N, C-alpha and C. Protein backbone atom coordinates (compact mmCIF):
# COMPACT_ATOMS: atom_id res chain seq x y z
N MET A 1 68.07 -15.45 -22.66
CA MET A 1 68.67 -16.22 -23.74
C MET A 1 70.14 -16.47 -23.38
N ALA A 2 70.55 -17.71 -23.53
CA ALA A 2 71.93 -18.10 -23.25
C ALA A 2 72.82 -17.70 -24.43
N THR A 3 74.11 -17.71 -24.19
CA THR A 3 75.07 -17.35 -25.22
C THR A 3 75.56 -18.60 -25.95
N VAL A 4 76.24 -18.38 -27.05
CA VAL A 4 76.83 -19.49 -27.81
C VAL A 4 77.84 -20.23 -26.94
N ASP A 5 78.64 -19.48 -26.18
CA ASP A 5 79.63 -20.12 -25.29
C ASP A 5 78.97 -20.97 -24.22
N GLU A 6 77.85 -20.52 -23.68
CA GLU A 6 77.13 -21.31 -22.68
C GLU A 6 76.57 -22.59 -23.30
N CYS A 7 76.09 -22.51 -24.53
CA CYS A 7 75.58 -23.70 -25.23
C CYS A 7 76.72 -24.69 -25.49
N ARG A 8 77.86 -24.17 -25.93
CA ARG A 8 79.02 -25.02 -26.17
C ARG A 8 79.44 -25.72 -24.88
N GLN A 9 79.45 -24.98 -23.78
CA GLN A 9 79.81 -25.57 -22.48
C GLN A 9 78.78 -26.60 -22.04
N ALA A 10 77.51 -26.35 -22.32
CA ALA A 10 76.47 -27.32 -21.96
C ALA A 10 76.70 -28.64 -22.69
N LEU A 11 77.08 -28.59 -23.95
CA LEU A 11 77.36 -29.83 -24.69
C LEU A 11 78.58 -30.53 -24.12
N LYS A 12 79.58 -29.78 -23.70
CA LYS A 12 80.76 -30.39 -23.06
C LYS A 12 80.37 -31.03 -21.73
N ASP A 13 79.48 -30.37 -20.99
CA ASP A 13 78.98 -30.94 -19.74
C ASP A 13 78.20 -32.22 -19.99
N LEU A 14 77.40 -32.22 -21.05
CA LEU A 14 76.66 -33.43 -21.42
C LEU A 14 77.62 -34.56 -21.76
N ALA A 15 78.68 -34.24 -22.49
CA ALA A 15 79.68 -35.25 -22.84
C ALA A 15 80.29 -35.84 -21.57
N ALA A 16 80.58 -35.01 -20.59
CA ALA A 16 81.15 -35.50 -19.32
C ALA A 16 80.16 -36.40 -18.58
N LYS A 17 78.88 -36.03 -18.59
CA LYS A 17 77.85 -36.85 -17.95
C LYS A 17 77.74 -38.21 -18.64
N LEU A 18 77.77 -38.19 -19.97
CA LEU A 18 77.67 -39.45 -20.71
C LEU A 18 78.89 -40.32 -20.45
N ASP A 19 80.06 -39.72 -20.33
CA ASP A 19 81.26 -40.48 -20.01
C ASP A 19 81.12 -41.21 -18.68
N SER A 20 80.61 -40.53 -17.67
CA SER A 20 80.45 -41.18 -16.36
C SER A 20 79.36 -42.24 -16.41
N ALA A 21 78.31 -42.02 -17.21
CA ALA A 21 77.25 -43.02 -17.33
C ALA A 21 77.75 -44.27 -18.05
N VAL A 22 78.63 -44.09 -19.04
CA VAL A 22 79.17 -45.24 -19.75
C VAL A 22 79.97 -46.12 -18.80
N GLU A 23 80.74 -45.48 -17.93
CA GLU A 23 81.52 -46.24 -16.96
C GLU A 23 80.61 -47.02 -16.02
N ALA A 24 79.48 -46.43 -15.64
CA ALA A 24 78.58 -47.07 -14.69
C ALA A 24 77.68 -48.11 -15.35
N GLN A 25 77.23 -47.86 -16.59
CA GLN A 25 76.23 -48.71 -17.21
C GLN A 25 76.75 -49.60 -18.33
N GLY A 26 77.95 -49.40 -18.76
CA GLY A 26 78.48 -50.19 -19.88
C GLY A 26 78.27 -49.47 -21.19
N ARG A 27 78.89 -49.98 -22.22
CA ARG A 27 78.87 -49.33 -23.53
C ARG A 27 77.52 -49.52 -24.24
N LEU A 28 77.17 -48.54 -25.03
CA LEU A 28 75.96 -48.58 -25.85
C LEU A 28 76.38 -48.71 -27.30
N ASP A 29 75.82 -49.66 -28.00
CA ASP A 29 76.18 -49.89 -29.40
C ASP A 29 75.46 -48.89 -30.29
N LEU A 30 76.06 -47.71 -30.44
CA LEU A 30 75.47 -46.67 -31.26
C LEU A 30 76.58 -45.79 -31.82
N GLU A 31 76.71 -45.78 -33.12
CA GLU A 31 77.70 -44.96 -33.82
C GLU A 31 76.94 -44.05 -34.78
N ARG A 32 76.76 -42.78 -34.39
CA ARG A 32 75.99 -41.87 -35.21
C ARG A 32 76.58 -40.46 -35.15
N THR A 33 76.33 -39.70 -36.21
CA THR A 33 76.66 -38.28 -36.21
C THR A 33 75.49 -37.52 -35.61
N LEU A 34 75.80 -36.38 -34.99
CA LEU A 34 74.80 -35.61 -34.29
C LEU A 34 74.92 -34.14 -34.67
N ALA A 35 73.78 -33.50 -34.86
CA ALA A 35 73.72 -32.05 -35.07
C ALA A 35 72.84 -31.47 -33.98
N CYS A 36 73.30 -30.39 -33.38
CA CYS A 36 72.54 -29.67 -32.37
C CYS A 36 72.35 -28.26 -32.89
N ARG A 37 71.11 -27.93 -33.20
CA ARG A 37 70.80 -26.63 -33.79
C ARG A 37 70.11 -25.75 -32.75
N ILE A 38 70.67 -24.58 -32.53
CA ILE A 38 70.13 -23.64 -31.54
C ILE A 38 69.23 -22.66 -32.28
N THR A 39 67.95 -22.71 -31.97
CA THR A 39 66.95 -21.99 -32.77
C THR A 39 66.93 -20.48 -32.53
N ASP A 40 67.37 -20.02 -31.37
CA ASP A 40 67.30 -18.59 -31.08
C ASP A 40 68.67 -17.89 -31.19
N LEU A 41 69.66 -18.60 -31.67
CA LEU A 41 70.98 -18.05 -31.89
C LEU A 41 71.46 -18.47 -33.28
N PRO A 42 72.34 -17.70 -33.87
CA PRO A 42 72.91 -18.15 -35.14
C PRO A 42 74.03 -19.16 -34.87
N ALA A 43 73.65 -20.32 -34.30
CA ALA A 43 74.66 -21.29 -33.89
C ALA A 43 74.15 -22.71 -34.09
N ALA A 44 75.08 -23.58 -34.35
CA ALA A 44 74.82 -25.01 -34.42
C ALA A 44 76.12 -25.71 -34.06
N PHE A 45 75.99 -26.94 -33.60
CA PHE A 45 77.14 -27.73 -33.21
C PHE A 45 77.01 -29.12 -33.83
N SER A 46 78.11 -29.74 -34.04
CA SER A 46 78.10 -31.12 -34.53
C SER A 46 78.98 -31.95 -33.61
N ALA A 47 78.70 -33.23 -33.58
CA ALA A 47 79.45 -34.15 -32.74
C ALA A 47 79.23 -35.56 -33.25
N ARG A 48 79.80 -36.49 -32.54
CA ARG A 48 79.68 -37.90 -32.89
C ARG A 48 79.34 -38.67 -31.63
N LEU A 49 78.31 -39.53 -31.71
CA LEU A 49 77.98 -40.45 -30.63
C LEU A 49 78.67 -41.77 -30.94
N SER A 50 79.45 -42.23 -30.01
CA SER A 50 80.19 -43.48 -30.22
C SER A 50 80.26 -44.24 -28.90
N GLY A 51 79.65 -45.41 -28.86
CA GLY A 51 79.71 -46.24 -27.67
C GLY A 51 79.15 -45.57 -26.43
N GLY A 52 78.13 -44.72 -26.61
CA GLY A 52 77.52 -44.05 -25.48
C GLY A 52 78.23 -42.77 -25.07
N ARG A 53 79.24 -42.38 -25.83
CA ARG A 53 79.99 -41.15 -25.53
C ARG A 53 79.71 -40.10 -26.61
N LEU A 54 79.77 -38.84 -26.21
CA LEU A 54 79.63 -37.72 -27.12
C LEU A 54 81.04 -37.19 -27.40
N LEU A 55 81.47 -37.31 -28.63
CA LEU A 55 82.86 -37.00 -28.99
C LEU A 55 82.94 -35.95 -30.09
N ASP A 56 84.08 -35.34 -30.22
CA ASP A 56 84.39 -34.42 -31.33
C ASP A 56 83.37 -33.29 -31.47
N ILE A 57 83.03 -32.64 -30.37
CA ILE A 57 82.09 -31.52 -30.41
C ILE A 57 82.77 -30.36 -31.14
N ALA A 58 82.08 -29.84 -32.14
CA ALA A 58 82.64 -28.75 -32.95
C ALA A 58 81.55 -27.75 -33.30
N ASP A 59 81.96 -26.52 -33.56
CA ASP A 59 81.02 -25.51 -34.03
C ASP A 59 80.63 -25.83 -35.47
N GLY A 60 79.40 -25.54 -35.82
CA GLY A 60 78.93 -25.74 -37.19
C GLY A 60 77.94 -26.87 -37.29
N ASP A 61 77.03 -26.72 -38.22
CA ASP A 61 75.97 -27.70 -38.46
C ASP A 61 76.50 -28.86 -39.29
N ASN A 62 75.84 -29.99 -39.17
CA ASN A 62 76.11 -31.13 -40.03
C ASN A 62 74.77 -31.53 -40.65
N PRO A 63 74.47 -31.04 -41.86
CA PRO A 63 73.16 -31.33 -42.46
C PRO A 63 72.93 -32.81 -42.75
N LYS A 64 73.99 -33.60 -42.76
CA LYS A 64 73.85 -35.03 -43.03
C LYS A 64 73.84 -35.87 -41.75
N ALA A 65 73.75 -35.22 -40.59
CA ALA A 65 73.78 -35.92 -39.31
C ALA A 65 72.61 -36.90 -39.22
N LYS A 66 72.86 -38.05 -38.66
CA LYS A 66 71.83 -39.08 -38.50
C LYS A 66 70.86 -38.74 -37.36
N ILE A 67 71.32 -37.93 -36.39
CA ILE A 67 70.48 -37.49 -35.29
C ILE A 67 70.56 -35.97 -35.23
N ALA A 68 69.41 -35.31 -35.22
CA ALA A 68 69.37 -33.85 -35.18
C ALA A 68 68.48 -33.39 -34.03
N LEU A 69 69.04 -32.53 -33.19
CA LEU A 69 68.31 -31.95 -32.08
C LEU A 69 68.22 -30.45 -32.32
N SER A 70 67.01 -29.91 -32.24
CA SER A 70 66.80 -28.47 -32.40
C SER A 70 66.06 -27.97 -31.18
N THR A 71 66.58 -26.90 -30.59
CA THR A 71 65.96 -26.30 -29.42
C THR A 71 66.51 -24.91 -29.19
N SER A 72 65.91 -24.18 -28.27
CA SER A 72 66.42 -22.86 -27.92
C SER A 72 67.63 -23.01 -27.00
N SER A 73 68.37 -21.95 -26.88
CA SER A 73 69.57 -21.98 -26.03
C SER A 73 69.20 -22.25 -24.57
N ASP A 74 68.16 -21.61 -24.07
CA ASP A 74 67.76 -21.82 -22.68
C ASP A 74 67.28 -23.25 -22.44
N ASN A 75 66.56 -23.81 -23.40
CA ASN A 75 66.09 -25.19 -23.25
C ASN A 75 67.26 -26.18 -23.27
N LEU A 76 68.28 -25.90 -24.08
CA LEU A 76 69.45 -26.77 -24.10
C LEU A 76 70.11 -26.79 -22.72
N LEU A 77 70.31 -25.61 -22.13
CA LEU A 77 70.91 -25.54 -20.81
C LEU A 77 70.05 -26.24 -19.76
N ALA A 78 68.73 -26.09 -19.87
CA ALA A 78 67.83 -26.74 -18.92
C ALA A 78 67.85 -28.26 -19.08
N LEU A 79 67.91 -28.75 -20.32
CA LEU A 79 68.00 -30.19 -20.56
C LEU A 79 69.26 -30.78 -19.93
N VAL A 80 70.38 -30.16 -20.23
CA VAL A 80 71.65 -30.67 -19.73
C VAL A 80 71.73 -30.53 -18.21
N GLY A 81 71.16 -29.46 -17.68
CA GLY A 81 71.17 -29.23 -16.23
C GLY A 81 70.16 -30.06 -15.46
N GLY A 82 69.32 -30.82 -16.17
CA GLY A 82 68.34 -31.68 -15.49
C GLY A 82 67.07 -30.96 -15.06
N ARG A 83 66.88 -29.72 -15.50
CA ARG A 83 65.70 -28.96 -15.13
C ARG A 83 64.55 -29.14 -16.13
N LEU A 84 64.83 -29.79 -17.25
CA LEU A 84 63.82 -30.01 -18.29
C LEU A 84 63.90 -31.47 -18.72
N ASP A 85 62.77 -32.16 -18.63
CA ASP A 85 62.70 -33.57 -19.02
C ASP A 85 62.58 -33.66 -20.54
N LEU A 86 63.43 -34.50 -21.16
CA LEU A 86 63.46 -34.60 -22.61
C LEU A 86 62.12 -35.04 -23.19
N ALA A 87 61.50 -36.05 -22.62
CA ALA A 87 60.23 -36.55 -23.17
C ALA A 87 59.15 -35.46 -23.12
N ARG A 88 59.09 -34.74 -22.02
CA ARG A 88 58.11 -33.66 -21.91
C ARG A 88 58.44 -32.51 -22.85
N ALA A 89 59.72 -32.24 -23.01
CA ALA A 89 60.14 -31.16 -23.91
C ALA A 89 59.78 -31.49 -25.36
N ILE A 90 59.92 -32.74 -25.74
CA ILE A 90 59.55 -33.16 -27.09
C ILE A 90 58.03 -33.09 -27.25
N ALA A 91 57.31 -33.57 -26.24
CA ALA A 91 55.84 -33.56 -26.31
C ALA A 91 55.29 -32.14 -26.39
N SER A 92 55.94 -31.20 -25.72
CA SER A 92 55.48 -29.81 -25.72
C SER A 92 56.12 -28.98 -26.84
N ARG A 93 56.88 -29.64 -27.67
CA ARG A 93 57.54 -29.02 -28.83
C ARG A 93 58.57 -27.96 -28.47
N GLN A 94 59.13 -28.09 -27.28
CA GLN A 94 60.25 -27.23 -26.90
C GLN A 94 61.54 -27.74 -27.52
N VAL A 95 61.54 -29.02 -27.84
CA VAL A 95 62.69 -29.69 -28.43
C VAL A 95 62.21 -30.52 -29.61
N SER A 96 62.96 -30.48 -30.68
CA SER A 96 62.68 -31.34 -31.83
C SER A 96 63.86 -32.31 -31.96
N LEU A 97 63.55 -33.59 -32.02
CA LEU A 97 64.58 -34.62 -32.15
C LEU A 97 64.25 -35.48 -33.36
N SER A 98 65.15 -35.50 -34.32
CA SER A 98 64.94 -36.24 -35.54
C SER A 98 65.98 -37.36 -35.61
N ALA A 99 65.48 -38.59 -35.69
CA ALA A 99 66.37 -39.75 -35.76
C ALA A 99 65.57 -40.96 -36.20
N ASN A 100 66.28 -41.98 -36.61
CA ASN A 100 65.69 -43.26 -36.93
C ASN A 100 64.98 -43.78 -35.67
N PRO A 101 63.79 -44.38 -35.78
CA PRO A 101 63.08 -44.88 -34.59
C PRO A 101 63.91 -45.85 -33.75
N PHE A 102 64.73 -46.67 -34.37
CA PHE A 102 65.56 -47.61 -33.61
C PHE A 102 66.65 -46.85 -32.83
N ASP A 103 67.16 -45.78 -33.43
CA ASP A 103 68.14 -44.95 -32.73
C ASP A 103 67.51 -44.26 -31.54
N LEU A 104 66.26 -43.82 -31.68
CA LEU A 104 65.56 -43.17 -30.57
C LEU A 104 65.43 -44.12 -29.38
N LEU A 105 65.15 -45.38 -29.66
CA LEU A 105 65.05 -46.37 -28.58
C LEU A 105 66.39 -46.52 -27.87
N LYS A 106 67.47 -46.54 -28.62
CA LYS A 106 68.79 -46.64 -28.02
C LYS A 106 69.15 -45.38 -27.25
N LEU A 107 68.77 -44.21 -27.79
CA LEU A 107 69.08 -42.94 -27.13
C LEU A 107 68.38 -42.83 -25.78
N ARG A 108 67.23 -43.45 -25.64
CA ARG A 108 66.52 -43.43 -24.35
C ARG A 108 67.41 -43.90 -23.22
N LYS A 109 68.27 -44.87 -23.51
CA LYS A 109 69.16 -45.40 -22.48
C LYS A 109 70.18 -44.35 -22.04
N LEU A 110 70.55 -43.45 -22.94
CA LEU A 110 71.53 -42.42 -22.60
C LEU A 110 70.91 -41.32 -21.75
N LEU A 111 69.66 -41.00 -22.02
CA LEU A 111 69.04 -39.86 -21.38
C LEU A 111 68.08 -40.34 -20.34
């Protein structure tokens, strides 16, 4: 099981990856709040997706977030590290992703 600090760092690493992808692929028209809930730790994070970037990562849940991701700490690290495919993780219920269907289509471009 990963630690809260490792999960926080994984989200920062994801933000850095998205920043480099935005530079390479252009901006994505998506402005949404995001909640990342860690199921095996007493932890959650909130952030904002804006123009294909992950911004304002903070500790704490956002129950009103438009996009909610729930997973274990190890699965979060594996997703960000590229060792776990998001589509397969969702299909196998290792990851739960809740969002508007149109937002999910846009998110596919990010991941």
